[in-house]
Amino acid sequence: MKKTLMAFGLAFASLLAAPALAQSAAPAGLYQALGEKPGIIRLVDDFVDRVVKDPRIGAHFKDVKPAALKESLTDQFCQLSGGPCKYEGADMKSAHADMDINKGHFHALVEVLQGSMDAQGIPFAQQNRLLALLAPMHRDVITVR
């Protein structure tokens, strides 16, 4: 839990320090550090398998096709990390508009993602780099304030 809070805090600190950078430019070498597309596919496969079973947030994914979610997240993580992929899915605000997601749900999702990154052997510093890119999305994902 402490590791999760620290990583989450670091991600948000990055967001506050350089919001435009966090949204528009991937840190150099992150795509390679994640194992390029094969590594991102392994990460996303593990993450989606965990998140749909998580008792805190799994219900949010009951109507989602796991294969489609995996494909979309792979493209999104690949593009955000500086890879050659192009995310063409819905914007985060539209995709989550009717899902009643609160801060607790968002934090649970981050914890599940960190568990997947740990399981894939992604170093903590690289985890924080990816989280810093994903953190700005909280504004559009959290729908219950």
Protein backbone atom coordinates (compact mmCIF):
# COMPACT_ATOMS: atom_id res chain seq x y z
CA MET A 1 0.00 0.00 0.00
CA LYS A 2 2.81 2.39 0.89
CA LYS A 3 4.49 1.71 -2.47
CA THR A 4 1.20 2.41 -4.25
CA LEU A 5 0.72 5.72 -2.50
CA MET A 6 4.30 6.73 -3.19
CA ALA A 7 4.03 5.88 -6.88
CA PHE A 8 0.68 7.58 -7.15
CA GLY A 9 2.09 10.65 -5.42
CA LEU A 10 5.09 10.71 -7.74
CA ALA A 11 2.81 10.40 -10.75
CA PHE A 12 0.71 13.32 -9.59
CA ALA A 13 3.79 15.36 -8.72
CA SER A 14 4.95 14.87 -12.29
CA LEU A 15 1.52 15.92 -13.47
CA LEU A 16 1.58 19.12 -11.43
CA ALA A 17 5.13 19.98 -12.42
CA ALA A 18 4.68 19.56 -16.16
CA PRO A 19 1.12 18.81 -17.29
CA ALA A 20 1.76 19.50 -20.97
CA LEU A 21 4.84 17.30 -20.99
CA ALA A 22 3.06 14.46 -19.20
CA GLN A 23 0.33 14.46 -21.82
CA SER A 24 2.29 15.05 -24.98
CA ALA A 25 5.77 13.54 -24.72
CA ALA A 26 6.79 10.11 -23.57
CA PRO A 27 9.93 9.89 -21.45
CA ALA A 28 12.88 8.77 -23.55
CA GLY A 29 13.32 5.03 -23.53
CA LEU A 30 10.09 4.14 -21.73
CA TYR A 31 8.76 2.08 -24.63
CA GLN A 32 11.96 0.04 -24.60
CA ALA A 33 11.93 -0.23 -20.79
CA LEU A 34 8.43 -1.72 -20.96
CA GLY A 35 9.68 -4.38 -23.36
CA GLU A 36 8.38 -2.70 -26.50
CA LYS A 37 5.11 -4.01 -27.93
CA PRO A 38 5.55 -7.64 -26.75
CA GLY A 39 6.22 -6.44 -23.20
CA ILE A 40 3.26 -4.06 -23.29
CA ILE A 41 1.03 -6.88 -24.55
CA ARG A 42 2.14 -9.10 -21.63
CA LEU A 43 1.55 -6.24 -19.19
CA VAL A 44 -1.90 -5.43 -20.53
CA ASP A 45 -2.93 -9.09 -20.68
CA ASP A 46 -1.99 -9.50 -17.02
CA PHE A 47 -3.60 -6.20 -16.05
CA VAL A 48 -6.95 -6.86 -17.74
CA ASP A 49 -7.07 -10.42 -16.36
CA ARG A 50 -6.56 -9.00 -12.85
CA VAL A 51 -8.81 -5.95 -13.14
CA VAL A 52 -11.91 -7.83 -14.32
CA LYS A 53 -11.60 -10.12 -11.25
CA ASP A 54 -10.84 -7.39 -8.72
CA PRO A 55 -13.70 -7.23 -6.20
CA ARG A 56 -13.37 -3.44 -5.84
CA ILE A 57 -13.68 -2.55 -9.53
CA GLY A 58 -14.36 -5.68 -11.55
CA ALA A 59 -18.07 -4.82 -11.85
CA HIS A 60 -17.14 -1.77 -13.93
CA PHE A 61 -15.85 -4.17 -16.60
CA LYS A 62 -18.77 -6.63 -16.68
CA ASP A 63 -20.00 -5.41 -20.07
CA VAL A 64 -16.54 -5.03 -21.59
CA LYS A 65 -15.05 -7.59 -23.95
CA PRO A 66 -11.61 -8.36 -22.47
CA ALA A 67 -9.98 -8.90 -25.89
CA ALA A 68 -11.15 -5.50 -27.14
CA LEU A 69 -10.03 -3.81 -23.91
CA LYS A 70 -6.63 -5.47 -24.16
CA GLU A 71 -6.17 -4.30 -27.75
CA SER A 72 -7.21 -0.75 -26.93
CA LEU A 73 -5.03 -0.50 -23.80
CA THR A 74 -2.06 -2.00 -25.62
CA ASP A 75 -2.30 0.71 -28.27
CA GLN A 76 -2.80 3.40 -25.63
CA PHE A 77 0.15 2.31 -23.44
CA CYS A 78 2.32 1.79 -26.54
CA GLN A 79 1.61 5.28 -27.87
CA LEU A 80 1.96 6.97 -24.47
CA SER A 81 5.32 5.31 -23.86
CA GLY A 82 6.73 6.50 -27.17
CA GLY A 83 6.10 3.40 -29.26
CA PRO A 84 4.92 3.27 -32.87
CA CYS A 85 1.29 2.41 -32.04
CA LYS A 86 -1.65 4.75 -32.53
CA TYR A 87 -4.48 4.74 -30.00
CA GLU A 88 -7.74 5.25 -31.87
CA GLY A 89 -10.18 4.48 -29.08
CA ALA A 90 -12.64 6.81 -27.42
CA ASP A 91 -11.42 9.75 -25.40
CA MET A 92 -11.36 9.04 -21.66
CA LYS A 93 -14.23 11.38 -20.81
CA SER A 94 -16.62 9.73 -23.28
CA ALA A 95 -15.48 6.20 -22.47
CA HIS A 96 -16.12 6.61 -18.74
CA ALA A 97 -19.05 9.05 -18.71
CA ASP A 98 -21.70 6.65 -17.39
CA MET A 99 -19.52 4.42 -15.23
CA ASP A 100 -19.87 6.14 -11.82
CA ILE A 101 -16.15 5.98 -11.07
CA ASN A 102 -14.91 7.61 -7.88
CA LYS A 103 -11.41 8.24 -6.53
CA GLY A 104 -11.40 4.92 -4.70
CA HIS A 105 -12.11 3.06 -7.93
CA PHE A 106 -9.35 4.98 -9.71
CA HIS A 107 -6.85 4.25 -6.93
CA ALA A 108 -7.82 0.56 -7.00
CA LEU A 109 -7.16 0.51 -10.74
CA VAL A 110 -3.71 2.00 -10.16
CA GLU A 111 -2.99 -0.65 -7.51
CA VAL A 112 -4.00 -3.42 -9.91
CA LEU A 113 -1.82 -1.91 -12.64
CA GLN A 114 1.12 -1.75 -10.23
CA GLY A 115 0.57 -5.39 -9.31
CA SER A 116 0.72 -6.27 -12.99
CA MET A 117 3.85 -4.20 -13.51
CA ASP A 118 5.47 -5.90 -10.51
CA ALA A 119 4.49 -9.33 -11.88
CA GLN A 120 6.07 -8.43 -15.23
CA GLY A 121 9.31 -7.34 -13.54
CA ILE A 122 9.00 -3.71 -14.59
CA PRO A 123 11.34 -1.66 -12.39
CA PHE A 124 9.72 0.78 -9.97
CA ALA A 125 11.23 3.83 -11.71
CA GLN A 126 9.72 2.74 -15.03
CA GLN A 127 6.38 2.10 -13.33
CA ASN A 128 6.40 5.69 -12.12
CA ARG A 129 7.21 6.94 -15.60
CA LEU A 130 4.17 5.16 -17.04
CA LEU A 131 1.94 6.26 -14.15
CA ALA A 132 3.00 9.88 -14.70
CA LEU A 133 1.69 9.61 -18.26
CA LEU A 134 -1.57 8.00 -17.18
CA ALA A 135 -2.23 10.25 -14.15
CA PRO A 136 -3.68 13.20 -16.09
CA MET A 137 -6.51 10.94 -17.22
CA HIS A 138 -7.98 10.95 -13.72
CA ARG A 139 -9.77 14.21 -14.55
CA ASP A 140 -11.80 12.47 -17.25
CA VAL A 141 -12.06 8.99 -15.72
CA ILE A 142 -13.39 9.96 -12.28
CA THR A 143 -17.05 10.79 -12.83
CA VAL A 144 -18.29 10.84 -9.21
CA ARG A 145 -16.78 13.69 -7.21
